């Protein structure tokens, strides 16, 4: 189960870090509205391509690194994602506690383990 969570977190990390990417872009001189517009356009395009099976979530960072409105290199974008993870505070511990509760419930109600949610992105 932990490997599933890690895979899901890695898949969503570029999208979850967009606020941090926006802040870093603005710090380096990008216009806030232009950077926000660029991030939104690229994120929506990548989601559409992921659904079509022609892209991966990591493509978002690659696209942003080529957009002059963002003004960040691929390395700077990777660092922003890592910063976002570092700033997650108690979130990881909260997820661990939640997963422990889910395990207890799954043992008590085995058929609950068959539930499969719809895709988020």
N, C-alpha and C. Protein backbone atom coordinates (compact mmCIF):
# COMPACT_ATOMS: atom_id res chain seq x y z
N UNK A 1 0.82 -1.19 0.00
CA UNK A 1 0.00 0.00 0.00
C UNK A 1 0.87 1.25 0.00
N UNK A 2 1.98 1.22 0.74
CA UNK A 2 2.86 2.40 0.78
C UNK A 2 3.43 2.71 -0.59
N UNK A 3 3.76 1.67 -1.35
CA UNK A 3 4.30 1.92 -2.69
C UNK A 3 3.24 2.53 -3.61
N UNK A 4 1.97 2.19 -3.40
CA UNK A 4 0.89 2.81 -4.17
C UNK A 4 0.77 4.30 -3.83
N UNK A 5 0.88 4.61 -2.54
CA UNK A 5 0.82 6.01 -2.13
C UNK A 5 1.99 6.80 -2.69
N UNK A 6 3.17 6.21 -2.64
CA UNK A 6 4.35 6.89 -3.16
C UNK A 6 4.21 7.13 -4.67
N UNK A 7 3.71 6.13 -5.39
CA UNK A 7 3.52 6.28 -6.83
C UNK A 7 2.50 7.37 -7.13
N UNK A 8 1.41 7.41 -6.37
CA UNK A 8 0.38 8.43 -6.58
C UNK A 8 0.92 9.82 -6.25
N UNK A 9 1.68 9.92 -5.16
CA UNK A 9 2.28 11.21 -4.78
C UNK A 9 3.24 11.69 -5.87
N UNK A 10 4.06 10.77 -6.40
CA UNK A 10 5.00 11.15 -7.46
C UNK A 10 4.27 11.57 -8.72
N UNK A 11 3.16 10.91 -9.02
CA UNK A 11 2.39 11.22 -10.21
C UNK A 11 1.75 12.61 -10.11
N UNK A 12 1.32 12.97 -8.92
CA UNK A 12 0.62 14.23 -8.73
C UNK A 12 1.55 15.38 -8.30
N UNK A 13 2.76 15.07 -7.90
CA UNK A 13 3.67 16.09 -7.36
C UNK A 13 3.82 17.31 -8.26
N UNK A 14 4.02 17.15 -9.58
CA UNK A 14 4.16 18.36 -10.40
C UNK A 14 2.92 19.26 -10.34
N UNK A 15 1.75 18.68 -10.26
CA UNK A 15 0.53 19.47 -10.19
C UNK A 15 0.34 20.10 -8.81
N UNK A 16 0.67 19.34 -7.78
CA UNK A 16 0.53 19.86 -6.42
C UNK A 16 1.51 20.99 -6.13
N UNK A 17 2.62 20.99 -6.84
CA UNK A 17 3.67 21.99 -6.58
C UNK A 17 3.48 23.26 -7.40
N UNK A 18 2.39 23.39 -8.13
CA UNK A 18 2.25 24.56 -9.00
C UNK A 18 2.22 25.88 -8.24
N UNK A 19 1.70 25.88 -7.02
CA UNK A 19 1.71 27.12 -6.24
C UNK A 19 3.15 27.51 -5.90
N UNK A 20 3.95 26.53 -5.53
CA UNK A 20 5.36 26.80 -5.24
C UNK A 20 6.08 27.24 -6.51
N UNK A 21 5.78 26.61 -7.63
CA UNK A 21 6.37 27.01 -8.91
C UNK A 21 6.00 28.46 -9.20
N UNK A 22 4.75 28.82 -9.00
CA UNK A 22 4.31 30.20 -9.23
C UNK A 22 5.10 31.17 -8.35
N UNK A 23 5.23 30.85 -7.07
CA UNK A 23 5.97 31.73 -6.16
C UNK A 23 7.43 31.88 -6.58
N UNK A 24 8.05 30.78 -6.98
CA UNK A 24 9.45 30.84 -7.40
C UNK A 24 9.60 31.64 -8.69
N UNK A 25 8.66 31.49 -9.61
CA UNK A 25 8.71 32.24 -10.86
C UNK A 25 8.59 33.74 -10.59
N UNK A 26 7.67 34.11 -9.71
CA UNK A 26 7.46 35.53 -9.39
C UNK A 26 8.71 36.09 -8.69
N UNK A 27 9.31 35.29 -7.79
CA UNK A 27 10.54 35.74 -7.11
C UNK A 27 11.64 36.06 -8.10
N UNK A 28 11.65 35.35 -9.21
CA UNK A 28 12.70 35.54 -10.22
C UNK A 28 12.28 36.53 -11.31
N UNK A 29 11.18 37.24 -11.08
CA UNK A 29 10.82 38.33 -11.97
C UNK A 29 9.67 38.08 -12.92
N UNK A 30 9.08 36.91 -12.91
CA UNK A 30 7.94 36.65 -13.79
C UNK A 30 6.73 37.44 -13.30
N UNK A 31 5.90 37.85 -14.22
CA UNK A 31 4.64 38.49 -13.83
C UNK A 31 3.69 37.44 -13.27
N UNK A 32 3.05 37.76 -12.15
CA UNK A 32 2.21 36.77 -11.49
C UNK A 32 1.08 36.27 -12.38
N UNK A 33 0.38 37.19 -13.03
CA UNK A 33 -0.75 36.78 -13.87
C UNK A 33 -0.28 35.99 -15.09
N UNK A 34 0.81 36.41 -15.70
CA UNK A 34 1.33 35.70 -16.87
C UNK A 34 1.80 34.30 -16.47
N UNK A 35 2.50 34.20 -15.34
CA UNK A 35 2.98 32.89 -14.87
C UNK A 35 1.80 31.99 -14.51
N UNK A 36 0.80 32.55 -13.83
CA UNK A 36 -0.39 31.77 -13.47
C UNK A 36 -1.08 31.25 -14.72
N UNK A 37 -1.23 32.10 -15.71
CA UNK A 37 -1.88 31.72 -16.96
C UNK A 37 -1.10 30.60 -17.66
N UNK A 38 0.21 30.72 -17.67
CA UNK A 38 1.06 29.70 -18.30
C UNK A 38 0.93 28.37 -17.57
N UNK A 39 1.00 28.40 -16.25
CA UNK A 39 0.90 27.17 -15.46
C UNK A 39 -0.46 26.51 -15.69
N UNK A 40 -1.51 27.30 -15.66
CA UNK A 40 -2.85 26.75 -15.86
C UNK A 40 -2.99 26.13 -17.25
N UNK A 41 -2.54 26.84 -18.27
CA UNK A 41 -2.65 26.33 -19.64
C UNK A 41 -1.88 25.02 -19.81
N UNK A 42 -0.65 24.99 -19.31
CA UNK A 42 0.16 23.77 -19.44
C UNK A 42 -0.42 22.63 -18.62
N UNK A 43 -0.88 22.92 -17.42
CA UNK A 43 -1.45 21.86 -16.57
C UNK A 43 -2.68 21.25 -17.23
N UNK A 44 -3.55 22.09 -17.76
CA UNK A 44 -4.75 21.57 -18.41
C UNK A 44 -4.40 20.76 -19.66
N UNK A 45 -3.44 21.23 -20.42
CA UNK A 45 -3.02 20.50 -21.63
C UNK A 45 -2.42 19.15 -21.27
N UNK A 46 -1.59 19.13 -20.24
CA UNK A 46 -0.96 17.86 -19.83
C UNK A 46 -2.01 16.89 -19.30
N UNK A 47 -2.97 17.38 -18.53
CA UNK A 47 -4.03 16.49 -18.04
C UNK A 47 -4.78 15.87 -19.22
N UNK A 48 -5.10 16.69 -20.20
CA UNK A 48 -5.79 16.19 -21.39
C UNK A 48 -4.96 15.12 -22.09
N UNK A 49 -3.66 15.36 -22.22
CA UNK A 49 -2.77 14.40 -22.86
C UNK A 49 -2.60 13.13 -22.03
N UNK A 50 -2.58 13.28 -20.70
CA UNK A 50 -2.50 12.09 -19.83
C UNK A 50 -3.72 11.22 -20.06
N UNK A 51 -4.88 11.84 -20.10
CA UNK A 51 -6.12 11.09 -20.33
C UNK A 51 -6.13 10.40 -21.68
N UNK A 52 -5.48 11.00 -22.67
CA UNK A 52 -5.40 10.42 -24.00
C UNK A 52 -4.28 9.38 -24.10
N UNK A 53 -3.48 9.29 -23.04
CA UNK A 53 -2.39 8.32 -23.01
C UNK A 53 -1.14 8.77 -23.75
N UNK A 54 -1.01 10.07 -23.99
CA UNK A 54 0.15 10.56 -24.75
C UNK A 54 1.13 11.37 -23.92
N UNK A 55 0.90 11.44 -22.61
CA UNK A 55 1.80 12.22 -21.75
C UNK A 55 1.84 11.60 -20.36
N UNK A 56 2.82 12.07 -19.58
CA UNK A 56 2.93 11.71 -18.17
C UNK A 56 2.94 12.99 -17.36
N UNK A 57 2.70 12.88 -16.07
CA UNK A 57 2.64 14.08 -15.24
C UNK A 57 3.95 14.84 -15.23
N UNK A 58 5.07 14.15 -15.38
CA UNK A 58 6.36 14.82 -15.40
C UNK A 58 6.52 15.73 -16.62
N UNK A 59 5.69 15.53 -17.63
CA UNK A 59 5.74 16.39 -18.80
C UNK A 59 5.38 17.84 -18.45
N UNK A 60 4.63 18.03 -17.38
CA UNK A 60 4.26 19.38 -16.97
C UNK A 60 5.50 20.22 -16.69
N UNK A 61 6.43 19.67 -15.93
CA UNK A 61 7.64 20.42 -15.60
C UNK A 61 8.48 20.70 -16.85
N UNK A 62 8.55 19.74 -17.74
CA UNK A 62 9.31 19.94 -18.97
C UNK A 62 8.70 21.08 -19.79
N UNK A 63 7.38 21.09 -19.88
CA UNK A 63 6.71 22.15 -20.63
C UNK A 63 6.93 23.52 -19.98
N UNK A 64 6.82 23.56 -18.66
CA UNK A 64 7.01 24.83 -17.95
C UNK A 64 8.43 25.35 -18.11
N UNK A 65 9.40 24.44 -18.15
CA UNK A 65 10.80 24.88 -18.28
C UNK A 65 11.07 25.52 -19.63
N UNK A 66 10.24 25.23 -20.62
CA UNK A 66 10.42 25.82 -21.96
C UNK A 66 9.58 27.08 -22.17
N UNK A 67 8.81 27.47 -21.16
CA UNK A 67 7.93 28.63 -21.30
C UNK A 67 8.60 29.87 -20.70
N UNK A 68 8.86 30.86 -21.54
CA UNK A 68 9.54 32.08 -21.10
C UNK A 68 8.75 32.84 -20.04
N UNK A 69 7.43 32.65 -19.99
CA UNK A 69 6.62 33.35 -18.99
C UNK A 69 6.93 32.87 -17.58
N UNK A 70 7.45 31.66 -17.46
CA UNK A 70 7.79 31.09 -16.15
C UNK A 70 9.20 31.50 -15.76
N UNK A 71 10.14 31.41 -16.69
CA UNK A 71 11.51 31.85 -16.44
C UNK A 71 12.31 30.97 -15.50
N UNK A 72 11.95 29.69 -15.42
CA UNK A 72 12.69 28.75 -14.57
C UNK A 72 13.21 27.60 -15.43
N UNK A 73 14.42 27.16 -15.13
CA UNK A 73 15.00 26.01 -15.83
C UNK A 73 14.39 24.72 -15.29
N UNK A 74 14.67 23.63 -15.98
CA UNK A 74 14.19 22.32 -15.51
C UNK A 74 14.74 22.03 -14.11
N UNK A 75 15.99 22.40 -13.87
CA UNK A 75 16.59 22.15 -12.56
C UNK A 75 15.91 22.99 -11.48
N UNK A 76 15.60 24.23 -11.80
CA UNK A 76 14.92 25.10 -10.84
C UNK A 76 13.49 24.60 -10.56
N UNK A 77 12.84 24.07 -11.57
CA UNK A 77 11.50 23.51 -11.38
C UNK A 77 11.56 22.26 -10.51
N UNK A 78 12.55 21.41 -10.76
CA UNK A 78 12.73 20.22 -9.90
C UNK A 78 12.96 20.64 -8.45
N UNK A 79 13.76 21.68 -8.25
CA UNK A 79 14.02 22.17 -6.89
C UNK A 79 12.74 22.72 -6.27
N UNK A 80 11.89 23.36 -7.06
CA UNK A 80 10.62 23.88 -6.54
C UNK A 80 9.72 22.74 -6.09
N UNK A 81 9.71 21.64 -6.84
CA UNK A 81 8.91 20.48 -6.44
C UNK A 81 9.45 19.91 -5.13
N UNK A 82 10.77 19.82 -5.01
CA UNK A 82 11.37 19.31 -3.78
C UNK A 82 11.07 20.25 -2.61
N UNK A 83 11.10 21.55 -2.86
CA UNK A 83 10.76 22.52 -1.83
C UNK A 83 9.31 22.33 -1.39
N UNK A 84 8.43 22.08 -2.36
CA UNK A 84 7.02 21.85 -2.05
C UNK A 84 6.87 20.64 -1.13
N UNK A 85 7.61 19.57 -1.41
CA UNK A 85 7.58 18.38 -0.57
C UNK A 85 8.07 18.72 0.83
N UNK A 86 9.15 19.51 0.92
CA UNK A 86 9.71 19.89 2.21
C UNK A 86 8.74 20.75 3.02
N UNK A 87 7.92 21.54 2.31
CA UNK A 87 6.98 22.44 2.99
C UNK A 87 5.66 21.75 3.33
N UNK A 88 5.56 20.46 3.07
CA UNK A 88 4.29 19.76 3.29
C UNK A 88 3.96 19.59 4.77
N UNK A 89 4.92 19.94 5.65
CA UNK A 89 4.65 19.93 7.08
C UNK A 89 4.20 18.58 7.60
N UNK A 90 3.09 18.59 8.31
CA UNK A 90 2.59 17.37 8.95
C UNK A 90 1.80 16.48 7.99
N UNK A 91 1.69 16.87 6.75
CA UNK A 91 0.85 16.13 5.81
C UNK A 91 1.25 14.66 5.70
N UNK A 92 2.54 14.39 5.60
CA UNK A 92 2.97 12.99 5.45
C UNK A 92 2.63 12.18 6.70
N UNK A 93 2.83 12.74 7.87
CA UNK A 93 2.47 12.04 9.11
C UNK A 93 0.96 11.84 9.18
N UNK A 94 0.19 12.82 8.72
CA UNK A 94 -1.26 12.69 8.71
C UNK A 94 -1.70 11.58 7.77
N UNK A 95 -1.05 11.48 6.63
CA UNK A 95 -1.37 10.40 5.68
C UNK A 95 -1.04 9.05 6.30
N UNK A 96 0.11 8.95 6.97
CA UNK A 96 0.48 7.69 7.63
C UNK A 96 -0.55 7.29 8.68
N UNK A 97 -1.01 8.25 9.47
CA UNK A 97 -2.03 7.96 10.50
C UNK A 97 -3.33 7.53 9.85
N UNK A 98 -3.72 8.21 8.78
CA UNK A 98 -4.95 7.84 8.07
C UNK A 98 -4.84 6.43 7.50
N UNK A 99 -3.68 6.12 6.90
CA UNK A 99 -3.49 4.79 6.32
C UNK A 99 -3.54 3.70 7.39
N UNK A 100 -3.04 3.98 8.58
CA UNK A 100 -3.13 3.01 9.67
C UNK A 100 -4.60 2.74 10.02
N UNK A 101 -5.41 3.79 10.03
CA UNK A 101 -6.84 3.62 10.28
C UNK A 101 -7.51 2.82 9.17
N UNK A 102 -7.11 3.09 7.94
CA UNK A 102 -7.69 2.37 6.80
C UNK A 102 -7.34 0.89 6.89
N UNK A 103 -6.12 0.57 7.28
CA UNK A 103 -5.72 -0.83 7.41
C UNK A 103 -6.59 -1.55 8.43
N UNK A 104 -6.85 -0.91 9.57
CA UNK A 104 -7.71 -1.50 10.60
C UNK A 104 -9.10 -1.77 10.03
N UNK A 105 -9.66 -0.79 9.34
CA UNK A 105 -10.99 -0.95 8.76
C UNK A 105 -11.02 -2.00 7.66
N UNK A 106 -9.96 -2.05 6.87
CA UNK A 106 -9.90 -3.04 5.78
C UNK A 106 -9.83 -4.46 6.34
N UNK A 107 -9.14 -4.63 7.45
CA UNK A 107 -9.11 -5.97 8.09
C UNK A 107 -10.48 -6.32 8.65
N UNK A 108 -11.16 -5.32 9.20
CA UNK A 108 -12.48 -5.56 9.79
C UNK A 108 -13.55 -5.78 8.71
N UNK A 109 -13.43 -5.06 7.58
CA UNK A 109 -14.40 -5.14 6.49
C UNK A 109 -13.62 -5.45 5.21
N UNK A 110 -13.27 -6.71 4.97
CA UNK A 110 -12.38 -7.07 3.86
C UNK A 110 -12.87 -6.60 2.48
N UNK A 111 -14.18 -6.61 2.25
CA UNK A 111 -14.68 -6.21 0.93
C UNK A 111 -14.43 -4.72 0.62
N UNK A 112 -14.13 -3.93 1.65
CA UNK A 112 -13.84 -2.51 1.42
C UNK A 112 -12.55 -2.34 0.63
N UNK A 113 -11.69 -3.33 0.67
CA UNK A 113 -10.45 -3.26 -0.07
C UNK A 113 -10.64 -3.34 -1.59
N UNK A 114 -11.83 -3.70 -2.02
CA UNK A 114 -12.12 -3.80 -3.45
C UNK A 114 -12.54 -2.46 -4.07
N UNK A 115 -12.76 -1.44 -3.24
CA UNK A 115 -13.19 -0.14 -3.74
C UNK A 115 -12.10 0.48 -4.59
N UNK A 116 -12.47 0.98 -5.77
CA UNK A 116 -11.53 1.67 -6.66
C UNK A 116 -12.11 3.03 -7.02
N UNK A 117 -11.49 4.11 -6.55
CA UNK A 117 -12.02 5.45 -6.85
C UNK A 117 -11.78 5.82 -8.31
N UNK A 118 -12.51 6.79 -8.79
CA UNK A 118 -12.29 7.33 -10.12
C UNK A 118 -10.97 8.10 -10.13
N UNK A 119 -10.41 8.27 -11.31
CA UNK A 119 -9.17 9.04 -11.46
C UNK A 119 -9.42 10.49 -11.04
N UNK A 120 -8.43 11.09 -10.40
CA UNK A 120 -8.51 12.50 -10.02
C UNK A 120 -8.17 13.37 -11.22
N UNK A 121 -7.11 13.00 -11.90
CA UNK A 121 -6.67 13.78 -13.08
C UNK A 121 -6.87 12.94 -14.32
